[in-house]
Protein backbone atom coordinates (compact mmCIF):
# COMPACT_ATOMS: atom_id res chain seq x y z
CA UNK A 1 -54.71 -57.26 7.24
CA UNK A 2 -54.99 -55.47 3.61
CA UNK A 3 -54.99 -52.26 5.25
CA UNK A 4 -51.56 -53.00 6.89
CA UNK A 5 -50.04 -54.33 3.60
CA UNK A 6 -51.14 -50.97 1.82
CA UNK A 7 -49.36 -48.91 4.78
CA UNK A 8 -46.39 -51.13 4.46
CA UNK A 9 -46.21 -50.47 0.50
CA UNK A 10 -46.64 -46.90 1.07
CA UNK A 11 -43.95 -46.36 4.12
CA UNK A 12 -41.28 -48.43 2.30
CA UNK A 13 -40.62 -46.11 -0.57
CA UNK A 14 -40.98 -42.81 2.13
CA UNK A 15 -38.37 -44.68 4.15
CA UNK A 16 -36.16 -45.06 1.21
CA UNK A 17 -36.04 -41.65 0.30
CA UNK A 18 -35.87 -40.44 3.51
CA UNK A 19 -32.48 -42.69 4.16
CA UNK A 20 -31.07 -41.78 0.79
CA UNK A 21 -31.61 -38.17 1.30
CA UNK A 22 -29.74 -38.86 4.66
CA UNK A 23 -26.94 -40.30 3.00
CA UNK A 24 -26.66 -37.56 -0.18
CA UNK A 25 -26.80 -34.94 2.56
CA UNK A 26 -23.60 -36.94 4.50
CA UNK A 27 -22.15 -37.45 0.97
CA UNK A 28 -22.30 -33.92 0.17
CA UNK A 29 -21.53 -32.24 3.59
CA UNK A 30 -18.27 -34.45 3.05
CA UNK A 31 -17.60 -33.00 -0.40
CA UNK A 32 -17.84 -29.39 0.56
CA UNK A 33 -14.60 -27.70 1.16
CA UNK A 34 -14.10 -24.38 3.26
CA UNK A 35 -11.25 -22.02 2.13
CA UNK A 36 -10.51 -19.83 5.19
CA UNK A 37 -9.67 -16.15 4.11
CA UNK A 38 -7.87 -13.67 6.27
CA UNK A 39 -8.71 -9.90 6.09
CA UNK A 40 -9.36 -7.06 8.19
CA UNK A 41 -12.03 -4.33 7.88
CA UNK A 42 -11.18 -0.88 6.36
CA UNK A 43 -8.24 0.57 3.94
CA UNK A 44 -4.70 -0.49 4.17
CA UNK A 45 -3.96 3.13 3.46
CA UNK A 46 -5.62 5.14 6.64
CA UNK A 47 -8.01 6.64 4.88
CA UNK A 48 -11.88 6.35 5.27
CA UNK A 49 -13.23 3.21 3.37
CA UNK A 50 -16.95 2.13 3.46
CA UNK A 51 -16.43 -0.78 0.99
CA UNK A 52 -13.63 -2.87 2.08
CA UNK A 53 -15.82 -5.95 1.77
CA UNK A 54 -17.33 -5.39 -1.48
CA UNK A 55 -14.49 -6.69 -3.93
CA UNK A 56 -13.67 -9.63 -1.76
CA UNK A 57 -17.56 -10.54 -1.39
CA UNK A 58 -17.87 -10.58 -5.51
CA UNK A 59 -14.46 -12.72 -5.68
CA UNK A 60 -15.79 -15.04 -3.34
CA UNK A 61 -19.46 -15.32 -5.00
CA UNK A 62 -17.49 -15.97 -8.32
CA UNK A 63 -15.17 -18.34 -7.06
CA UNK A 64 -17.74 -20.24 -5.29
CA UNK A 65 -19.67 -20.45 -8.30
CA UNK A 66 -16.67 -21.84 -10.45
CA UNK A 67 -15.74 -24.05 -7.66
CA UNK A 68 -18.94 -26.07 -6.68
CA UNK A 69 -18.52 -27.64 -3.23
CA UNK A 70 -16.08 -25.18 -2.18
CA UNK A 71 -17.11 -22.27 0.53
CA UNK A 72 -15.11 -19.24 1.27
CA UNK A 73 -14.91 -18.36 5.08
CA UNK A 74 -13.74 -15.04 6.16
CA UNK A 75 -14.10 -13.16 9.63
CA UNK A 76 -15.79 -9.66 9.55
CA UNK A 77 -15.11 -7.06 11.74
CA UNK A 78 -11.12 -7.35 12.30
CA UNK A 79 -9.62 -3.88 12.36
CA UNK A 80 -6.49 -3.11 10.27
CA UNK A 81 -5.01 -2.09 13.71
CA UNK A 82 -5.95 -5.44 15.55
CA UNK A 83 -5.46 -7.70 12.71
CA UNK A 84 -1.55 -8.72 13.68
CA UNK A 85 -2.57 -9.74 16.83
CA UNK A 86 -5.66 -11.43 15.55
CA UNK A 87 -3.60 -13.39 13.02
CA UNK A 88 -0.86 -14.35 15.54
CA UNK A 89 -3.34 -15.82 17.86
CA UNK A 90 -4.90 -17.79 15.27
CA UNK A 91 -1.20 -18.87 14.03
CA UNK A 92 -0.39 -20.08 17.78
CA UNK A 93 -3.83 -22.17 17.97
CA UNK A 94 -2.88 -23.47 14.20
CA UNK A 95 -5.84 -22.13 12.66
CA UNK A 96 -4.22 -19.38 10.44
CA UNK A 97 -6.39 -18.74 7.20
CA UNK A 98 -5.34 -20.74 3.90
CA UNK A 99 -5.07 -17.32 2.02
CA UNK A 100 -4.61 -13.93 3.69
CA UNK A 101 -3.88 -9.99 3.65
CA UNK A 102 -0.37 -9.32 4.78
CA UNK A 103 0.50 -6.11 6.48
CA UNK A 104 3.89 -4.58 5.50
CA UNK A 105 4.93 -4.49 8.90
CA UNK A 106 4.58 -8.25 9.45
CA UNK A 107 5.94 -9.56 5.74
CA UNK A 108 9.45 -9.71 6.83
CA UNK A 109 8.81 -11.38 10.00
CA UNK A 110 6.33 -14.19 8.38
CA UNK A 111 8.66 -14.59 5.57
CA UNK A 112 11.60 -15.18 7.66
CA UNK A 113 9.73 -17.73 10.24
CA UNK A 114 8.14 -19.92 7.39
CA UNK A 115 4.67 -18.89 8.06
CA UNK A 116 3.69 -17.76 4.10
CA UNK A 117 4.32 -20.73 1.50
CA UNK A 118 6.98 -20.39 -1.40
CA UNK A 119 5.19 -19.47 -4.12
CA UNK A 120 7.83 -20.12 -6.74
CA UNK A 121 6.84 -23.66 -7.60
CA UNK A 122 2.85 -22.50 -8.16
CA UNK A 123 4.18 -19.82 -10.40
CA UNK A 124 6.56 -21.77 -12.55
CA UNK A 125 3.96 -24.62 -12.91
CA UNK A 126 1.24 -22.13 -13.95
CA UNK A 127 1.30 -21.84 -17.57
CA UNK A 128 -1.62 -19.00 -17.43
CA UNK A 129 0.45 -16.90 -14.93
CA UNK A 130 2.69 -14.11 -16.28
CA UNK A 131 4.42 -12.02 -13.37
CA UNK A 132 5.06 -9.47 -15.89
CA UNK A 133 1.51 -8.30 -16.04
CA UNK A 134 2.18 -6.63 -12.77
CA UNK A 135 3.98 -3.68 -11.96
CA UNK A 136 7.63 -5.03 -11.17
CA UNK A 137 7.65 -2.90 -8.02
CA UNK A 138 4.62 -4.28 -6.70
CA UNK A 139 5.55 -7.86 -7.67
CA UNK A 140 9.06 -7.44 -6.17
CA UNK A 141 7.56 -6.30 -2.61
CA UNK A 142 6.41 -10.02 -2.55
CA UNK A 143 9.92 -11.39 -2.26
CA UNK A 144 12.23 -12.20 0.53
CA UNK A 145 15.89 -13.25 0.01
CA UNK A 146 15.08 -13.94 -3.86
CA UNK A 147 11.72 -15.97 -3.22
CA UNK A 148 8.22 -14.93 -3.77
CA UNK A 149 5.98 -15.33 -0.82
CA UNK A 150 3.10 -13.21 -1.50
CA UNK A 151 1.45 -11.39 -4.62
CA UNK A 152 0.69 -7.97 -4.55
CA UNK A 153 -3.32 -6.73 -4.39
CA UNK A 154 -3.24 -3.24 -4.20
CA UNK A 155 -0.47 -0.59 -4.61
CA UNK A 156 -0.07 3.00 -3.69
CA UNK A 157 2.68 5.69 -4.53
CA UNK A 158 3.53 8.75 -2.75
CA UNK A 159 3.16 11.99 -5.29
CA UNK A 160 3.67 15.53 -4.36
CA UNK A 161 0.49 17.75 -3.59
CA UNK A 162 0.57 21.22 -4.95
CA UNK A 163 -1.55 24.16 -3.82
CA UNK A 164 -2.26 25.55 -7.50
CA UNK A 165 -4.06 28.49 -5.43
CA UNK A 166 -1.32 29.78 -3.76
CA UNK A 167 1.16 29.17 -6.52
CA UNK A 168 -0.60 31.51 -8.96
CA UNK A 169 -1.31 34.21 -5.99
CA UNK A 170 2.59 34.56 -5.94
CA UNK A 171 2.71 34.08 -9.81
CA UNK A 172 4.51 31.05 -9.95
CA UNK A 173 3.99 28.12 -12.66
CA UNK A 174 2.94 24.78 -11.75
CA UNK A 175 6.12 22.47 -11.87
CA UNK A 176 6.52 20.10 -14.30
CA UNK A 177 6.67 16.32 -14.16
CA UNK A 178 10.59 16.30 -14.47
CA UNK A 179 11.16 19.03 -12.02
CA UNK A 180 14.02 18.89 -9.60
CA UNK A 181 15.33 19.89 -6.17
CA UNK A 182 16.46 22.85 -7.25
CA UNK A 183 12.95 24.19 -8.72
CA UNK A 184 11.52 22.75 -5.12
CA UNK A 185 13.86 25.35 -3.08
CA UNK A 186 13.33 27.98 -5.24
CA UNK A 187 9.54 27.96 -4.98
CA UNK A 188 9.57 26.96 -1.06
CA UNK A 189 12.23 30.54 -1.02
CA UNK A 190 9.51 32.50 -2.76
CA UNK A 191 6.73 31.48 -0.92
CA UNK A 192 7.79 31.50 2.53
CA UNK A 193 6.87 34.63 4.09
CA UNK A 194 5.11 37.13 6.62
CA UNK A 195 2.24 37.85 4.80
CA UNK A 196 0.50 40.10 7.56
CA UNK A 197 3.29 42.12 8.52
CA UNK A 198 3.41 40.85 12.17
CA UNK A 199 6.88 39.86 11.80
CA UNK A 200 5.93 36.15 12.32
CA UNK A 201 6.22 33.93 9.01
CA UNK A 202 2.67 32.49 7.86
CA UNK A 203 3.36 30.96 4.64
CA UNK A 204 5.47 28.49 3.81
CA UNK A 205 6.75 26.30 1.04
CA UNK A 206 6.69 22.56 2.24
CA UNK A 207 5.10 20.46 5.23
CA UNK A 208 6.30 16.81 5.79
CA UNK A 209 8.92 16.37 3.49
CA UNK A 210 11.75 14.32 5.18
CA UNK A 211 15.07 12.59 4.33
CA UNK A 212 13.56 9.55 3.34
CA UNK A 213 11.68 10.82 0.75
CA UNK A 214 14.62 12.86 -0.28
CA UNK A 215 16.90 9.84 -0.35
CA UNK A 216 14.28 7.96 -2.85
CA UNK A 217 14.58 10.84 -5.48
CA UNK A 218 18.11 10.94 -4.93
CA UNK A 219 19.19 7.59 -6.28
CA UNK A 220 19.97 6.22 -2.64
CA UNK A 221 19.52 3.26 -0.82
CA UNK A 222 19.47 3.46 3.13
CA UNK A 223 20.55 -0.21 3.39
CA UNK A 224 22.07 -3.48 1.81
CA UNK A 225 19.27 -5.42 0.41
CA UNK A 226 19.81 -8.34 2.78
CA UNK A 227 19.88 -5.84 5.85
CA UNK A 228 24.09 -6.76 6.32
CA UNK A 229 24.57 -3.13 6.89
CA UNK A 230 23.42 0.77 6.42
CA UNK A 231 24.83 3.32 3.71
CA UNK A 232 24.39 6.01 6.01
CA UNK A 233 27.83 7.97 4.79
CA UNK A 234 27.04 7.35 1.02
CA UNK A 235 26.77 10.58 -0.61
CA UNK A 236 23.19 10.29 -1.97
CA UNK A 237 22.06 10.10 2.02
CA UNK A 238 24.23 12.65 3.08
CA UNK A 239 23.14 14.98 0.38
CA UNK A 240 19.40 14.30 1.17
CA UNK A 241 19.86 15.28 5.14
CA UNK A 242 21.69 18.27 3.97
CA UNK A 243 18.98 19.21 1.51
CA UNK A 244 16.27 18.77 4.15
CA UNK A 245 18.14 20.88 6.33
CA UNK A 246 17.88 23.83 3.56
CA UNK A 247 14.37 23.60 3.40
CA UNK A 248 13.76 23.86 7.06
CA UNK A 249 16.17 26.94 7.20
CA UNK A 250 13.84 28.83 5.00
CA UNK A 251 11.11 28.40 8.12
CA UNK A 252 13.36 30.43 10.74
CA UNK A 253 12.84 27.93 13.27
CA UNK A 254 8.93 27.99 12.99
CA UNK A 255 7.53 24.37 13.12
CA UNK A 256 5.25 24.05 9.85
CA UNK A 257 1.93 21.87 11.05
CA UNK A 258 -0.76 20.11 9.41
CA UNK A 259 -3.07 23.01 9.80
CA UNK A 260 -1.06 25.11 8.13
CA UNK A 261 -1.27 23.20 5.11
CA UNK A 262 -5.08 22.34 5.65
CA UNK A 263 -5.65 26.30 5.84
CA UNK A 264 -4.20 26.75 2.17
CA UNK A 265 -0.77 28.44 3.65
CA UNK A 266 1.66 25.56 2.38
CA UNK A 267 2.55 25.47 -1.15
CA UNK A 268 3.67 21.51 -0.91
CA UNK A 269 3.04 18.27 0.45
CA UNK A 270 3.73 14.60 -0.23
CA UNK A 271 0.70 12.48 0.07
CA UNK A 272 -0.30 8.75 -0.87
CA UNK A 273 -2.21 8.23 -4.13
CA UNK A 274 -4.87 6.99 -1.73
CA UNK A 275 -5.44 10.40 -0.06
CA UNK A 276 -5.41 12.03 -3.51
CA UNK A 277 -8.48 9.76 -4.26
CA UNK A 278 -9.85 10.40 -0.92
CA UNK A 279 -9.63 14.32 -0.54
CA UNK A 280 -10.26 14.70 -4.35
CA UNK A 281 -14.09 13.95 -3.43
CA UNK A 282 -16.90 14.55 -1.70
CA UNK A 283 -17.56 14.91 1.14
CA UNK A 284 -13.70 14.59 2.57
CA UNK A 285 -12.70 17.54 -0.11
CA UNK A 286 -15.20 19.65 1.30
CA UNK A 287 -13.91 19.13 5.00
CA UNK A 288 -10.08 19.27 4.60
CA UNK A 289 -9.10 21.37 1.08
CA UNK A 290 -12.38 23.54 -0.12
CA UNK A 291 -10.53 26.66 0.17
CA UNK A 292 -8.24 26.22 -2.30
CA UNK A 293 -7.36 24.20 -5.77
CA UNK A 294 -4.57 21.32 -5.66
CA UNK A 295 -3.44 19.00 -7.76
CA UNK A 296 -0.56 16.21 -7.39
CA UNK A 297 2.71 15.87 -9.63
CA UNK A 298 5.84 13.50 -9.39
CA UNK A 299 8.59 14.31 -6.33
CA UNK A 300 11.63 16.29 -7.23
CA UNK A 301 14.43 14.65 -8.56
CA UNK A 302 17.44 15.09 -6.71
CA UNK A 303 21.26 15.85 -7.99
CA UNK A 304 21.74 12.04 -8.08
CA UNK A 305 18.19 10.95 -8.82
CA UNK A 306 14.89 11.02 -10.63
CA UNK A 307 11.61 11.53 -9.92
CA UNK A 308 11.19 8.50 -7.88
CA UNK A 309 8.72 7.95 -4.68
CA UNK A 310 7.70 5.30 -2.20
CA UNK A 311 5.72 2.63 -3.45
CA UNK A 312 3.48 0.55 -0.94
CA UNK A 313 1.66 -2.47 -1.33
CA UNK A 314 -0.97 -4.68 0.08
CA UNK A 315 -0.03 -8.09 -0.07
CA UNK A 316 -1.63 -11.58 -0.05
CA UNK A 317 0.07 -14.95 0.80
CA UNK A 318 -1.00 -18.41 1.14
CA UNK A 319 -0.19 -20.72 4.61
CA UNK A 320 2.72 -22.62 4.43
CA UNK A 321 0.18 -25.28 6.41
CA UNK A 322 -2.34 -25.24 4.22
CA UNK A 323 -3.68 -28.67 3.00
CA UNK A 324 -5.88 -26.62 0.12
CA UNK A 325 -2.87 -25.58 -1.81
CA UNK A 326 -4.31 -25.82 -5.45
CA UNK A 327 -7.77 -24.18 -4.23
CA UNK A 328 -5.68 -21.60 -2.26
CA UNK A 329 -3.27 -20.60 -5.44
CA UNK A 330 -6.61 -20.21 -7.89
CA UNK A 331 -8.48 -18.00 -5.19
CA UNK A 332 -5.17 -15.73 -4.68
CA UNK A 333 -4.74 -15.66 -8.62
CA UNK A 334 -8.51 -14.57 -8.83
CA UNK A 335 -7.70 -11.48 -6.37
CA UNK A 336 -4.49 -10.53 -7.53
CA UNK A 337 -4.48 -11.12 -11.32
CA UNK A 338 -8.19 -10.90 -12.74
CA UNK A 339 -8.65 -7.84 -14.51
CA UNK A 340 -12.06 -7.43 -13.73
CA UNK A 341 -11.71 -7.47 -10.18
CA UNK A 342 -8.43 -5.24 -10.14
CA UNK A 343 -10.44 -2.77 -12.02
CA UNK A 344 -12.87 -2.55 -9.21
CA UNK A 345 -10.12 -1.51 -6.60
CA UNK A 346 -10.63 1.77 -8.45
CA UNK A 347 -14.36 1.73 -8.06
CA UNK A 348 -14.36 0.49 -4.33
CA UNK A 349 -11.19 1.31 -2.82
CA UNK A 350 -8.25 4.44 -3.17
CA UNK A 351 -5.69 2.69 -3.90
CA UNK A 352 -4.29 1.41 -7.37
CA UNK A 353 -4.56 -2.08 -9.55
CA UNK A 354 -1.38 -4.05 -9.14
CA UNK A 355 -1.79 -5.00 -13.16
CA UNK A 356 -0.24 -2.36 -15.49
CA UNK A 357 -2.93 -2.93 -18.40
CA UNK A 358 -5.62 -1.93 -15.69
CA UNK A 359 -3.92 1.15 -14.14
CA UNK A 360 -2.70 2.65 -17.45
CA UNK A 361 -6.15 2.11 -19.13
CA UNK A 362 -8.60 5.05 -19.94
CA UNK A 363 -11.06 3.13 -17.93
CA UNK A 364 -9.12 3.98 -14.84
CA UNK A 365 -9.02 7.73 -15.53
CA UNK A 366 -13.08 7.48 -16.40
CA UNK A 367 -13.64 5.80 -12.94
CA UNK A 368 -11.74 8.33 -11.13
CA UNK A 369 -13.07 11.40 -13.00
CA UNK A 370 -16.66 10.45 -11.90
CA UNK A 371 -15.75 10.71 -8.03
CA UNK A 372 -14.07 14.14 -8.75
CA UNK A 373 -15.60 17.87 -9.65
CA UNK A 374 -16.04 18.97 -13.06
CA UNK A 375 -12.77 20.88 -14.07
CA UNK A 376 -10.61 18.60 -11.64
CA UNK A 377 -7.93 17.41 -13.78
CA UNK A 378 -6.97 13.21 -13.50
CA UNK A 379 -4.07 11.90 -13.07
CA UNK A 380 -3.16 9.95 -16.41
CA UNK A 381 -2.98 6.34 -16.37
CA UNK A 382 0.64 6.48 -17.96
CA UNK A 383 1.86 9.00 -15.29
CA UNK A 384 0.37 7.00 -12.36
CA UNK A 385 2.00 3.65 -14.09
CA UNK A 386 4.96 5.24 -14.48
CA UNK A 387 5.42 6.29 -10.68
CA UNK A 388 4.45 2.75 -9.92
CA UNK A 389 6.35 1.15 -11.83
CA UNK A 390 9.70 3.18 -11.27
CA UNK A 391 8.94 3.57 -7.45
CA UNK A 392 11.20 2.34 -4.61
CA UNK A 393 10.32 -0.35 -2.41
CA UNK A 394 11.50 -0.97 1.14
CA UNK A 395 14.35 -3.72 1.47
CA UNK A 396 12.95 -6.89 3.06
CA UNK A 397 15.17 -8.22 6.04
CA UNK A 398 13.75 -9.23 9.48
CA UNK A 399 15.04 -6.27 11.37
CA UNK A 400 14.09 -3.75 8.95
CA UNK A 401 11.39 -2.00 10.79
CA UNK A 402 13.52 -1.34 14.11
CA UNK A 403 16.91 -0.28 12.14
CA UNK A 404 14.61 2.12 10.16
CA UNK A 405 13.07 3.35 13.33
CA UNK A 406 16.39 4.07 14.92
CA UNK A 407 17.54 6.04 11.76
CA UNK A 408 14.79 7.99 11.57
CA UNK A 409 14.94 9.04 15.16
CA UNK A 410 18.41 10.14 14.89
CA UNK A 411 18.31 11.82 11.65
CA UNK A 412 15.47 13.94 13.14
CA UNK A 413 17.93 14.48 16.49
CA UNK A 414 20.59 15.71 13.96
CA UNK A 415 18.08 18.20 12.21
CA UNK A 416 16.57 19.70 15.31
CA UNK A 417 19.70 20.11 17.06
CA UNK A 418 21.96 21.44 14.34
CA UNK A 419 24.37 18.74 14.83
CA UNK A 420 27.13 18.31 12.00
CA UNK A 421 25.61 16.23 9.25
CA UNK A 422 28.76 14.54 8.33
CA UNK A 423 29.83 13.15 11.68
CA UNK A 424 27.06 12.59 12.67
CA UNK A 425 26.03 10.44 10.23
CA UNK A 426 29.26 8.46 10.88
CA UNK A 427 28.28 7.94 14.22
CA UNK A 428 24.63 6.54 13.33
CA UNK A 429 26.33 4.23 10.69
CA UNK A 430 28.18 2.52 13.13
CA UNK A 431 25.77 2.25 15.65
CA UNK A 432 23.10 0.86 13.22
CA UNK A 433 25.65 -1.70 11.52
CA UNK A 434 26.50 -2.62 15.10
CA UNK A 435 22.85 -3.52 15.77
CA UNK A 436 21.97 -5.55 12.42
CA UNK A 437 25.19 -7.78 13.20
CA UNK A 438 24.31 -8.68 16.60
């Protein structure tokens, strides 16, 4: 009898502790919150990137440490080319992430359909948030109809790639940062030639510079901001298309291809800052451009414009259906607004930070220099900041992608078939306006 009592005294505390542990586990399980994050694997800029998860994983670890009981979950292995389909499926199932990356091709559609939360109130209510810390071009990329639906995470401007070796061989100095269309044409005219005497051109001025690049630097706009109509007959666009025809005529009907540039026989080619970062470093430099020295400068200014180029931005937004608005906003801010994490974009990605203070810093230049060979010049933070801040961004309306594809296809046809530019652009304007006003 005494032995039984002893067991009772022993089992009672054990049973109490067991039940308490179970109750605490249930309590804390209820207290835990999971925030879903949508992202894709690899680079948004279509260059090699083996470090796509590093910055995100660091951000998650830090956020979870600062927010006990909160877990961030994301699906790994979703490729960029599959991301839109993956997200659409989640949307149809009512399981879209609370915070997510937004592809440029999806932003207009998502904004128009109400997929993303209007961030204006969250921005205004947050006393610690200052939009002017972002590059204005990057920040405006997240606006649709004067409403802020997304914040910028990473930005990439277009630059002009210059084959320094070819220019030196031809006795031509590198253009300055404020160069013009006239200078570009003059250099292209000088370097375009038959170098081996077989009667066929084998050295060229420029590759892959198109009418949209020219419009950006000639002060032109292709569409009204709201997409109500297009401006195909405006002087800036007409001049831009005619300028591209002049450059093309230097090639005497020969088609310049990527292999010509890779082989060192082309002086100029537009490329993104992400390509600059990738192909200035080992081993990609060895694979692509090891046989000549090259550098990047601004795009040439047109007769009516400045040294501007296209700026592309990777955006992030919050689901309009999230039930964790405050947490989602704090996580979105950490990813896009925190200087420490934004600095790591230069360490682990190929784009540039969307924060002025980070991109224009000496630290940025030092990080980029680490990946380059000794003697290679690094684009200065001031120049990179200027190109981003003053950069041209695409208008935001629902049919933009389709309307631009129609314009690009027809202008390519005009140039290839030597059609009258003035009359053809008048016809194209009527066609596009008819489509936009349907």
